[in-house]
Amino acid sequence: MRSRTGGFTLVELLVTIAVLVVLILLVSRLFSSAAAVITSANKRMDADVQLRPLFDRMAVDFSQMLKRSDIDYYVKSSANLEAGNDQIAFYSAVAGYYPSSGSQSPISVVSYRVNSTPASITFKKLERMAKGLVWNGVSASDTPIVFLPLTIASAWPSATNGSSDSDYELIAPYVFRFEYYYRLKSGVLSEKPWEGSTGHTNVAGMQDVAAISICVATMDPKSRVLVSDSQITMLAERLPDFSTWMAPGDLLNQWQTALDGTTDISRPAVSAVRIYERYFYLLPK
């Protein structure tokens, strides 16, 4: 009688192969998901690392802002709504880039802007200017702090427009959208730095402002290379300005909605955009 040799049937081999294939697919998907999570986390960390020195610098500049009714502020107001990327300029008791001669005062003209000059190497990047001022009367060529009716725009045009100035430095190279608004002492969010219900009609030393809210959109370095300058300009224009109907958080929600609806720009690049908001409270006089 012929004995039966032990072994696997064809069906058993096929089942084994199928199980192995499923296991390999599950493991590969697990690794892919882990890699995607790590990549996303790294991009967010890159953005956070970039924004930390910017917000630290702003905290110092705003905390040392001069708050006097006899000096000028170049800020958003009902007469200057600053459509698109905003610009702000004010006097602050921080060090700046001083002239080579003349007695240095402790005051600087500080300005923040997103460079709007296409030919510039800092185009669509956030810059900061701190122009150190000299004491009044010590220089015939360098302007000291000026008092109203003289304005920052008339004394230092580059602090309020897109013109070049050697005192501008690149502070946040991947921030392409810069917007701000005010939280008044009454709790109202406003696009002008005064409380109209009290009869106030001008800045008057920021007397009605409790805090300035800064909102920025940034993209990590690896994702930024996926888009052209024209695309980053188009993307910035789609992020709306602050409006008085908005409640806290609404502006960033509007920005995220605009980003989610963008389909004509590289999706991985758009998905890498990070948006942030910080309140900088102004110290009392």
C-alpha atoms as a PDB file:
ATOM      1  CA  MET A   1       0.000   0.000   0.000  1.00  0.00           C
ATOM      2  CA  ARG A   2       1.475   3.414  -1.087  1.00  0.00           C
ATOM      3  CA  SER A   3       2.074   5.855   1.825  1.00  0.00           C
ATOM      4  CA  ARG A   4       0.936   9.555   1.519  1.00  0.00           C
ATOM      5  CA  THR A   5       3.764  12.139   1.615  1.00  0.00           C
ATOM      6  CA  GLY A   6       2.922  15.188   3.834  1.00  0.00           C
ATOM      7  CA  GLY A   7       2.889  18.715   2.251  1.00  0.00           C
ATOM      8  CA  PHE A   8       0.870  21.880   1.488  1.00  0.00           C
ATOM      9  CA  THR A   9      -1.916  21.876  -0.979  1.00  0.00           C
ATOM     10  CA  LEU A  10      -2.147  24.569  -3.664  1.00  0.00           C
ATOM     11  CA  VAL A  11      -5.079  26.193  -1.880  1.00  0.00           C
ATOM     12  CA  GLU A  12      -3.082  26.448   1.369  1.00  0.00           C
ATOM     13  CA  LEU A  13      -0.175  28.070  -0.466  1.00  0.00           C
ATOM     14  CA  LEU A  14      -2.460  30.612  -2.141  1.00  0.00           C
ATOM     15  CA  VAL A  15      -4.090  31.486   1.193  1.00  0.00           C
ATOM     16  CA  THR A  16      -0.669  31.920   2.803  1.00  0.00           C
ATOM     17  CA  ILE A  17       0.516  34.186  -0.010  1.00  0.00           C
ATOM     18  CA  ALA A  18      -2.670  36.251   0.207  1.00  0.00           C
ATOM     19  CA  VAL A  19      -2.238  36.705   3.968  1.00  0.00           C
ATOM     20  CA  LEU A  20       1.400  37.780   3.472  1.00  0.00           C
ATOM     21  CA  VAL A  21       0.392  40.309   0.806  1.00  0.00           C
ATOM     22  CA  VAL A  22      -2.259  41.788   3.110  1.00  0.00           C
ATOM     23  CA  LEU A  23       0.233  42.026   5.975  1.00  0.00           C
ATOM     24  CA  ILE A  24       2.819  43.710   3.743  1.00  0.00           C
ATOM     25  CA  LEU A  25       0.224  46.233   2.503  1.00  0.00           C
ATOM     26  CA  LEU A  26      -0.851  47.018   6.073  1.00  0.00           C
ATOM     27  CA  VAL A  27       2.740  47.490   7.218  1.00  0.00           C
ATOM     28  CA  SER A  28       3.612  49.668   4.211  1.00  0.00           C
ATOM     29  CA  ARG A  29       0.511  51.799   4.777  1.00  0.00           C
ATOM     30  CA  LEU A  30       1.445  52.130   8.445  1.00  0.00           C
ATOM     31  CA  PHE A  31       4.945  53.311   7.511  1.00  0.00           C
ATOM     32  CA  SER A  32       3.533  55.715   4.905  1.00  0.00           C
ATOM     33  CA  SER A  33       1.139  57.203   7.435  1.00  0.00           C
ATOM     34  CA  ALA A  34       3.913  57.541   9.983  1.00  0.00           C
ATOM     35  CA  ALA A  35       6.157  59.218   7.408  1.00  0.00           C
ATOM     36  CA  ALA A  36       3.367  61.649   6.463  1.00  0.00           C
ATOM     37  CA  VAL A  37       2.749  62.512  10.114  1.00  0.00           C
ATOM     38  CA  ILE A  38       6.471  63.056  10.719  1.00  0.00           C
ATOM     39  CA  THR A  39       6.797  65.212   7.599  1.00  0.00           C
ATOM     40  CA  SER A  40       3.794  67.319   8.603  1.00  0.00           C
ATOM     41  CA  ALA A  41       5.124  67.685  12.137  1.00  0.00           C
ATOM     42  CA  ASN A  42       8.546  68.714  10.834  1.00  0.00           C
ATOM     43  CA  LYS A  43       6.972  71.369   8.601  1.00  0.00           C
ATOM     44  CA  ARG A  44       4.966  72.735  11.506  1.00  0.00           C
ATOM     45  CA  MET A  45       8.084  72.804  13.677  1.00  0.00           C
ATOM     46  CA  ASP A  46       9.937  74.645  10.898  1.00  0.00           C
ATOM     47  CA  ALA A  47       7.151  77.238  10.824  1.00  0.00           C
ATOM     48  CA  ASP A  48       7.078  77.510  14.623  1.00  0.00           C
ATOM     49  CA  VAL A  49      10.849  77.965  14.776  1.00  0.00           C
ATOM     50  CA  GLN A  50      10.628  80.706  12.157  1.00  0.00           C
ATOM     51  CA  LEU A  51       7.806  82.563  13.920  1.00  0.00           C
ATOM     52  CA  ARG A  52       9.205  82.426  17.452  1.00  0.00           C
ATOM     53  CA  PRO A  53      11.914  85.102  16.967  1.00  0.00           C
ATOM     54  CA  LEU A  54       9.455  87.268  15.035  1.00  0.00           C
ATOM     55  CA  PHE A  55       6.868  87.250  17.824  1.00  0.00           C
ATOM     56  CA  ASP A  56       9.574  87.700  20.470  1.00  0.00           C
ATOM     57  CA  ARG A  57      10.871  90.752  18.621  1.00  0.00           C
ATOM     58  CA  MET A  58       7.380  92.179  18.181  1.00  0.00           C
ATOM     59  CA  ALA A  59       6.652  91.688  21.873  1.00  0.00           C
ATOM     60  CA  VAL A  60       9.626  93.881  22.762  1.00  0.00           C
ATOM     61  CA  ASP A  61       8.857  96.517  20.117  1.00  0.00           C
ATOM     62  CA  PHE A  62       5.200  96.879  21.108  1.00  0.00           C
ATOM     63  CA  SER A  63       5.905  96.823  24.837  1.00  0.00           C
ATOM     64  CA  GLN A  64       8.357  99.718  24.377  1.00  0.00           C
ATOM     65  CA  MET A  65       6.108 101.697  21.999  1.00  0.00           C
ATOM     66  CA  LEU A  66       5.950 105.401  22.820  1.00  0.00           C
ATOM     67  CA  LYS A  67       2.383 106.357  23.670  1.00  0.00           C
ATOM     68  CA  ARG A  68       2.047 110.128  23.392  1.00  0.00           C
ATOM     69  CA  SER A  69      -0.618 112.275  21.802  1.00  0.00           C
ATOM     70  CA  ASP A  70       1.945 114.672  20.283  1.00  0.00           C
ATOM     71  CA  ILE A  71       3.711 112.100  18.065  1.00  0.00           C
ATOM     72  CA  ASP A  72       2.682 110.287  14.887  1.00  0.00           C
ATOM     73  CA  TYR A  73       1.829 106.631  14.281  1.00  0.00           C
ATOM     74  CA  TYR A  74       1.600 105.077  10.841  1.00  0.00           C
ATOM     75  CA  VAL A  75      -1.128 102.544  11.530  1.00  0.00           C
ATOM     76  CA  LYS A  76      -4.293 101.150  10.044  1.00  0.00           C
ATOM     77  CA  SER A  77      -7.254 103.498  10.507  1.00  0.00           C
ATOM     78  CA  SER A  78     -10.519 104.504   8.840  1.00  0.00           C
ATOM     79  CA  ALA A  79      -8.492 106.795   6.554  1.00  0.00           C
ATOM     80  CA  ASN A  80      -5.852 104.127   5.839  1.00  0.00           C
ATOM     81  CA  LEU A  81      -7.420 100.669   5.672  1.00  0.00           C
ATOM     82  CA  GLU A  82      -4.332  99.114   4.020  1.00  0.00           C
ATOM     83  CA  ALA A  83      -5.913  96.581   1.666  1.00  0.00           C
ATOM     84  CA  GLY A  84      -3.853  93.406   1.404  1.00  0.00           C
ATOM     85  CA  ASN A  85      -0.613  93.179   3.337  1.00  0.00           C
ATOM     86  CA  ASP A  86      -0.473  95.758   6.105  1.00  0.00           C
ATOM     87  CA  GLN A  87       2.364  98.012   7.198  1.00  0.00           C
ATOM     88  CA  ILE A  88       2.904  99.581  10.598  1.00  0.00           C
ATOM     89  CA  ALA A  89       5.420 102.151  11.858  1.00  0.00           C
ATOM     90  CA  PHE A  90       5.804 103.734  15.285  1.00  0.00           C
ATOM     91  CA  TYR A  91       8.368 105.065  17.744  1.00  0.00           C
ATOM     92  CA  SER A  92       9.756 102.578  20.236  1.00  0.00           C
ATOM     93  CA  ALA A  93      12.372 102.727  22.990  1.00  0.00           C
ATOM     94  CA  VAL A  94      14.519 100.008  21.388  1.00  0.00           C
ATOM     95  CA  ALA A  95      17.950 100.149  19.797  1.00  0.00           C
ATOM     96  CA  GLY A  96      18.207 100.460  16.031  1.00  0.00           C
ATOM     97  CA  TYR A  97      20.685 101.054  13.247  1.00  0.00           C
ATOM     98  CA  TYR A  98      22.126 104.446  14.142  1.00  0.00           C
ATOM     99  CA  PRO A  99      23.947 106.986  11.930  1.00  0.00           C
ATOM    100  CA  SER A 100      27.736 106.771  12.047  1.00  0.00           C
ATOM    101  CA  SER A 101      27.963 110.110  13.842  1.00  0.00           C
ATOM    102  CA  GLY A 102      25.846 112.047  16.322  1.00  0.00           C
ATOM    103  CA  SER A 103      24.718 111.295  19.846  1.00  0.00           C
ATOM    104  CA  GLN A 104      22.388 108.291  19.883  1.00  0.00           C
ATOM    105  CA  SER A 105      18.991 108.553  21.543  1.00  0.00           C
ATOM    106  CA  PRO A 106      17.195 105.494  22.999  1.00  0.00           C
ATOM    107  CA  ILE A 107      14.399 105.882  20.423  1.00  0.00           C
ATOM    108  CA  SER A 108      13.979 104.182  17.042  1.00  0.00           C
ATOM    109  CA  VAL A 109      11.410 104.301  14.280  1.00  0.00           C
ATOM    110  CA  VAL A 110      10.212 100.694  13.984  1.00  0.00           C
ATOM    111  CA  SER A 111       8.394  99.422  10.905  1.00  0.00           C
ATOM    112  CA  TYR A 112       7.086  96.035   9.764  1.00  0.00           C
ATOM    113  CA  ARG A 113       6.095  95.232   6.185  1.00  0.00           C
ATOM    114  CA  VAL A 114       5.978  92.470   3.582  1.00  0.00           C
ATOM    115  CA  ASN A 115       8.308  93.561   0.794  1.00  0.00           C
ATOM    116  CA  SER A 116       6.282  94.355  -2.327  1.00  0.00           C
ATOM    117  CA  THR A 117       9.111  95.035  -4.794  1.00  0.00           C
ATOM    118  CA  PRO A 118       9.312  92.129  -7.311  1.00  0.00           C
ATOM    119  CA  ALA A 119      12.975  92.794  -8.104  1.00  0.00           C
ATOM    120  CA  SER A 120      13.994  92.585  -4.438  1.00  0.00           C
ATOM    121  CA  ILE A 121      15.530  89.424  -2.989  1.00  0.00           C
ATOM    122  CA  THR A 122      13.122  89.818  -0.065  1.00  0.00           C
ATOM    123  CA  PHE A 123      10.008  90.035  -2.248  1.00  0.00           C
ATOM    124  CA  LYS A 124       6.935  88.709  -0.399  1.00  0.00           C
ATOM    125  CA  LYS A 125       8.953  88.284   2.790  1.00  0.00           C
ATOM    126  CA  LEU A 126       8.428  90.036   6.109  1.00  0.00           C
ATOM    127  CA  GLU A 127      10.931  92.758   6.963  1.00  0.00           C
ATOM    128  CA  ARG A 128      11.557  94.878  10.045  1.00  0.00           C
ATOM    129  CA  MET A 129      13.174  98.286  10.190  1.00  0.00           C
ATOM    130  CA  ALA A 130      14.587  99.835  13.348  1.00  0.00           C
ATOM    131  CA  LYS A 131      16.055 103.198  12.417  1.00  0.00           C
ATOM    132  CA  GLY A 132      17.950 104.511  15.422  1.00  0.00           C
ATOM    133  CA  LEU A 133      17.420 108.224  16.006  1.00  0.00           C
ATOM    134  CA  VAL A 134      19.848 110.842  17.262  1.00  0.00           C
ATOM    135  CA  TRP A 135      19.144 113.442  19.911  1.00  0.00           C
ATOM    136  CA  ASN A 136      17.546 116.654  18.738  1.00  0.00           C
ATOM    137  CA  GLY A 137      20.058 119.268  17.593  1.00  0.00           C
ATOM    138  CA  VAL A 138      23.160 117.051  17.373  1.00  0.00           C
ATOM    139  CA  SER A 139      23.092 116.498  13.596  1.00  0.00           C
ATOM    140  CA  ALA A 140      22.332 118.687  10.611  1.00  0.00           C
ATOM    141  CA  SER A 141      21.640 115.692   8.330  1.00  0.00           C
ATOM    142  CA  ASP A 142      20.033 113.018  10.522  1.00  0.00           C
ATOM    143  CA  THR A 143      16.446 113.534  11.688  1.00  0.00           C
ATOM    144  CA  PRO A 144      15.605 113.117  15.381  1.00  0.00           C
ATOM    145  CA  ILE A 145      12.145 112.204  16.641  1.00  0.00           C
ATOM    146  CA  VAL A 146       9.585 114.561  15.117  1.00  0.00           C
ATOM    147  CA  PHE A 147       6.420 115.836  16.747  1.00  0.00           C
ATOM    148  CA  LEU A 148       3.036 116.514  15.214  1.00  0.00           C
ATOM    149  CA  PRO A 149       2.094 117.951  12.771  1.00  0.00           C
ATOM    150  CA  LEU A 150       5.296 116.399  11.340  1.00  0.00           C
ATOM    151  CA  THR A 151       4.721 112.738  10.503  1.00  0.00           C
ATOM    152  CA  ILE A 152       6.736 109.550  10.184  1.00  0.00           C
ATOM    153  CA  ALA A 153       5.789 109.364   6.493  1.00  0.00           C
ATOM    154  CA  SER A 154       7.243 112.810   5.783  1.00  0.00           C
ATOM    155  CA  ALA A 155      10.447 112.250   7.767  1.00  0.00           C
ATOM    156  CA  TRP A 156      11.139 108.603   6.832  1.00  0.00           C
ATOM    157  CA  PRO A 157       9.082 107.624   3.747  1.00  0.00           C
ATOM    158  CA  SER A 158      10.536 104.109   3.643  1.00  0.00           C
ATOM    159  CA  ALA A 159       8.896 103.394   7.012  1.00  0.00           C
ATOM    160  CA  THR A 160       5.474 103.782   5.428  1.00  0.00           C
ATOM    161  CA  ASN A 161       5.841 102.704   1.794  1.00  0.00           C
ATOM    162  CA  GLY A 162       7.611 100.118  -0.322  1.00  0.00           C
ATOM    163  CA  SER A 163      10.817 102.035  -0.955  1.00  0.00           C
ATOM    164  CA  SER A 164      14.152 100.453  -0.108  1.00  0.00           C
ATOM    165  CA  ASP A 165      16.154 101.293   2.995  1.00  0.00           C
ATOM    166  CA  SER A 166      19.368  99.727   4.255  1.00  0.00           C
ATOM    167  CA  ASP A 167      17.943  99.641   7.779  1.00  0.00           C
ATOM    168  CA  TYR A 168      15.345  97.028   6.795  1.00  0.00           C
ATOM    169  CA  GLU A 169      16.298  93.498   7.774  1.00  0.00           C
ATOM    170  CA  LEU A 170      14.682  90.210   6.831  1.00  0.00           C
ATOM    171  CA  ILE A 171      13.046  88.910   9.982  1.00  0.00           C
ATOM    172  CA  ALA A 172      10.632  86.228   8.736  1.00  0.00           C
ATOM    173  CA  PRO A 173      11.662  84.982   5.275  1.00  0.00           C
ATOM    174  CA  TYR A 174       8.652  82.728   4.687  1.00  0.00           C
ATOM    175  CA  VAL A 175       5.877  84.987   6.004  1.00  0.00           C
ATOM    176  CA  PHE A 176       3.955  86.215   2.939  1.00  0.00           C
ATOM    177  CA  ARG A 177       0.784  87.624   4.540  1.00  0.00           C
ATOM    178  CA  PHE A 178       0.721  90.210   7.345  1.00  0.00           C
ATOM    179  CA  GLU A 179      -2.496  91.612   8.814  1.00  0.00           C
ATOM    180  CA  TYR A 180      -3.330  93.348  12.076  1.00  0.00           C
ATOM    181  CA  TYR A 181      -6.258  94.874  13.923  1.00  0.00           C
ATOM    182  CA  TYR A 182      -6.942  96.313  17.369  1.00  0.00           C
ATOM    183  CA  ARG A 183      -8.586  95.107  20.555  1.00  0.00           C
ATOM    184  CA  LEU A 184      -9.889  98.228  22.215  1.00  0.00           C
ATOM    185  CA  LYS A 185     -10.080  98.657  25.987  1.00  0.00           C
ATOM    186  CA  SER A 186     -13.847  98.262  25.683  1.00  0.00           C
ATOM    187  CA  GLY A 187     -13.300  94.740  24.322  1.00  0.00           C
ATOM    188  CA  VAL A 188     -14.369  95.676  20.790  1.00  0.00           C
ATOM    189  CA  LEU A 189     -12.306  94.440  17.836  1.00  0.00           C
ATOM    190  CA  SER A 190     -11.638  97.369  15.528  1.00  0.00           C
ATOM    191  CA  GLU A 191      -9.843  98.364  12.329  1.00  0.00           C
ATOM    192  CA  LYS A 192      -9.182 101.832  13.746  1.00  0.00           C
ATOM    193  CA  PRO A 193      -7.172 102.542  16.914  1.00  0.00           C
ATOM    194  CA  TRP A 194      -9.733 104.608  18.763  1.00  0.00           C
ATOM    195  CA  GLU A 195     -13.165 104.241  20.335  1.00  0.00           C
ATOM    196  CA  GLY A 196     -15.714 106.157  18.279  1.00  0.00           C
ATOM    197  CA  SER A 197     -18.467 105.797  20.890  1.00  0.00           C
ATOM    198  CA  THR A 198     -16.469 107.998  23.269  1.00  0.00           C
ATOM    199  CA  GLY A 199     -16.107 110.757  20.681  1.00  0.00           C
ATOM    200  CA  HIS A 200     -12.455 109.995  19.898  1.00  0.00           C
ATOM    201  CA  THR A 201     -11.404 110.500  16.271  1.00  0.00           C
ATOM    202  CA  ASN A 202      -7.635 109.888  16.194  1.00  0.00           C
ATOM    203  CA  VAL A 203      -4.876 107.710  17.593  1.00  0.00           C
ATOM    204  CA  ALA A 204      -4.043 110.081  20.483  1.00  0.00           C
ATOM    205  CA  GLY A 205      -1.212 107.981  21.850  1.00  0.00           C
ATOM    206  CA  MET A 206      -3.082 104.669  21.539  1.00  0.00           C
ATOM    207  CA  GLN A 207      -5.228 105.715  24.499  1.00  0.00           C
ATOM    208  CA  ASP A 208      -8.107 103.408  23.522  1.00  0.00           C
ATOM    209  CA  VAL A 209      -6.061 100.385  22.412  1.00  0.00           C
ATOM    210  CA  ALA A 210      -5.537  97.459  24.777  1.00  0.00           C
ATOM    211  CA  ALA A 211      -3.751  95.187  22.308  1.00  0.00           C
ATOM    212  CA  ILE A 212      -2.703  94.811  18.700  1.00  0.00           C
ATOM    213  CA  SER A 213      -3.532  91.473  17.102  1.00  0.00           C
ATOM    214  CA  ILE A 214      -0.988  90.291  14.531  1.00  0.00           C
ATOM    215  CA  CYS A 215      -2.055  87.642  12.005  1.00  0.00           C
ATOM    216  CA  VAL A 216       0.459  86.049   9.636  1.00  0.00           C
ATOM    217  CA  ALA A 217       0.540  83.281   7.041  1.00  0.00           C
ATOM    218  CA  THR A 218       3.775  81.421   6.474  1.00  0.00           C
ATOM    219  CA  MET A 219       5.084  78.472   4.504  1.00  0.00           C
ATOM    220  CA  ASP A 220       7.975  76.215   5.422  1.00  0.00           C
ATOM    221  CA  PRO A 221      11.151  76.412   3.269  1.00  0.00           C
ATOM    222  CA  LYS A 222      10.694  73.022   1.539  1.00  0.00           C
ATOM    223  CA  SER A 223       7.129  73.835   0.466  1.00  0.00           C
ATOM    224  CA  ARG A 224       7.972  77.388  -0.600  1.00  0.00           C
ATOM    225  CA  VAL A 225      10.098  76.120  -3.495  1.00  0.00           C
ATOM    226  CA  LEU A 226       6.995  74.447  -4.944  1.00  0.00           C
ATOM    227  CA  VAL A 227       5.338  77.787  -5.750  1.00  0.00           C
ATOM    228  CA  SER A 228       6.397  80.765  -7.847  1.00  0.00           C
ATOM    229  CA  ASP A 229       6.420  84.388  -6.717  1.00  0.00           C
ATOM    230  CA  SER A 230       3.287  85.039  -8.775  1.00  0.00           C
ATOM    231  CA  GLN A 231       1.517  82.118  -7.103  1.00  0.00           C
ATOM    232  CA  ILE A 232       2.510  83.251  -3.606  1.00  0.00           C
ATOM    233  CA  THR A 233       1.204  86.724  -4.507  1.00  0.00           C
ATOM    234  CA  MET A 234      -2.077  85.227  -5.690  1.00  0.00           C
ATOM    235  CA  LEU A 235      -2.325  83.129  -2.540  1.00  0.00           C
ATOM    236  CA  ALA A 236      -1.742  86.169  -0.313  1.00  0.00           C
ATOM    237  CA  GLU A 237      -4.443  88.131  -2.136  1.00  0.00           C
ATOM    238  CA  ARG A 238      -6.991  85.399  -1.432  1.00  0.00           C
ATOM    239  CA  LEU A 239      -6.586  85.758   2.332  1.00  0.00           C
ATOM    240  CA  PRO A 240      -9.126  88.474   3.242  1.00  0.00           C
ATOM    241  CA  ASP A 241      -8.550  91.583   5.332  1.00  0.00           C
ATOM    242  CA  PHE A 242      -9.938  91.987   8.828  1.00  0.00           C
ATOM    243  CA  SER A 243     -13.491  93.328   8.931  1.00  0.00           C
ATOM    244  CA  THR A 244     -15.391  94.806  11.865  1.00  0.00           C
ATOM    245  CA  TRP A 245     -18.067  92.085  11.743  1.00  0.00           C
ATOM    246  CA  MET A 246     -15.485  89.478  12.734  1.00  0.00           C
ATOM    247  CA  ALA A 247     -15.326  87.950  16.201  1.00  0.00           C
ATOM    248  CA  PRO A 248     -12.117  86.539  17.737  1.00  0.00           C
ATOM    249  CA  GLY A 249     -10.829  83.726  15.527  1.00  0.00           C
ATOM    250  CA  ASP A 250     -12.988  84.628  12.521  1.00  0.00           C
ATOM    251  CA  LEU A 251     -10.133  86.087  10.473  1.00  0.00           C
ATOM    252  CA  LEU A 252      -8.065  82.915  10.713  1.00  0.00           C
ATOM    253  CA  ASN A 253     -11.166  80.852   9.901  1.00  0.00           C
ATOM    254  CA  GLN A 254     -11.674  82.956   6.774  1.00  0.00           C
ATOM    255  CA  TRP A 255      -8.042  82.415   5.815  1.00  0.00           C
ATOM    256  CA  GLN A 256      -8.300  78.665   6.301  1.00  0.00           C
ATOM    257  CA  THR A 257     -11.470  78.543   4.205  1.00  0.00           C
ATOM    258  CA  ALA A 258      -9.683  80.410   1.403  1.00  0.00           C
ATOM    259  CA  LEU A 259      -6.754  77.986   1.589  1.00  0.00           C
ATOM    260  CA  ASP A 260      -9.041  74.931   1.567  1.00  0.00           C
ATOM    261  CA  GLY A 261     -10.764  76.250  -1.559  1.00  0.00           C
ATOM    262  CA  THR A 262      -7.533  76.817  -3.504  1.00  0.00           C
ATOM    263  CA  THR A 263      -7.203  74.251  -6.296  1.00  0.00           C
ATOM    264  CA  ASP A 264      -5.026  76.001  -8.898  1.00  0.00           C
ATOM    265  CA  ILE A 265      -1.837  75.965  -6.819  1.00  0.00           C
ATOM    266  CA  SER A 266       0.160  72.905  -5.787  1.00  0.00           C
ATOM    267  CA  ARG A 267      -1.954  71.205  -3.137  1.00  0.00           C
ATOM    268  CA  PRO A 268       1.028  70.014  -1.039  1.00  0.00           C
ATOM    269  CA  ALA A 269       2.298  73.613  -0.922  1.00  0.00           C
ATOM    270  CA  VAL A 270      -1.085  75.085   0.023  1.00  0.00           C
ATOM    271  CA  SER A 271      -1.551  72.408   2.686  1.00  0.00           C
ATOM    272  CA  ALA A 272       1.787  73.456   4.168  1.00  0.00           C
ATOM    273  CA  VAL A 273       0.633  77.029   4.822  1.00  0.00           C
ATOM    274  CA  ARG A 274       0.471  77.768   8.546  1.00  0.00           C
ATOM    275  CA  ILE A 275      -1.540  80.660   9.958  1.00  0.00           C
ATOM    276  CA  TYR A 276      -0.939  82.282  13.325  1.00  0.00           C
ATOM    277  CA  GLU A 277      -2.434  85.011  15.480  1.00  0.00           C
ATOM    278  CA  ARG A 278      -0.886  86.719  18.501  1.00  0.00           C
ATOM    279  CA  TYR A 279      -2.170  89.515  20.728  1.00  0.00           C
ATOM    280  CA  PHE A 280       0.418  92.033  21.872  1.00  0.00           C
ATOM    281  CA  TYR A 281      -0.873  93.992  24.844  1.00  0.00           C
ATOM    282  CA  LEU A 282       0.271  97.567  25.159  1.00  0.00           C
ATOM    283  CA  LEU A 283       1.701  98.560  28.501  1.00  0.00           C
ATOM    284  CA  PRO A 284       0.115 101.589  30.164  1.00  0.00           C
ATOM    285  CA  LYS A 285       1.967 104.894  29.943  1.00  0.00           C
END
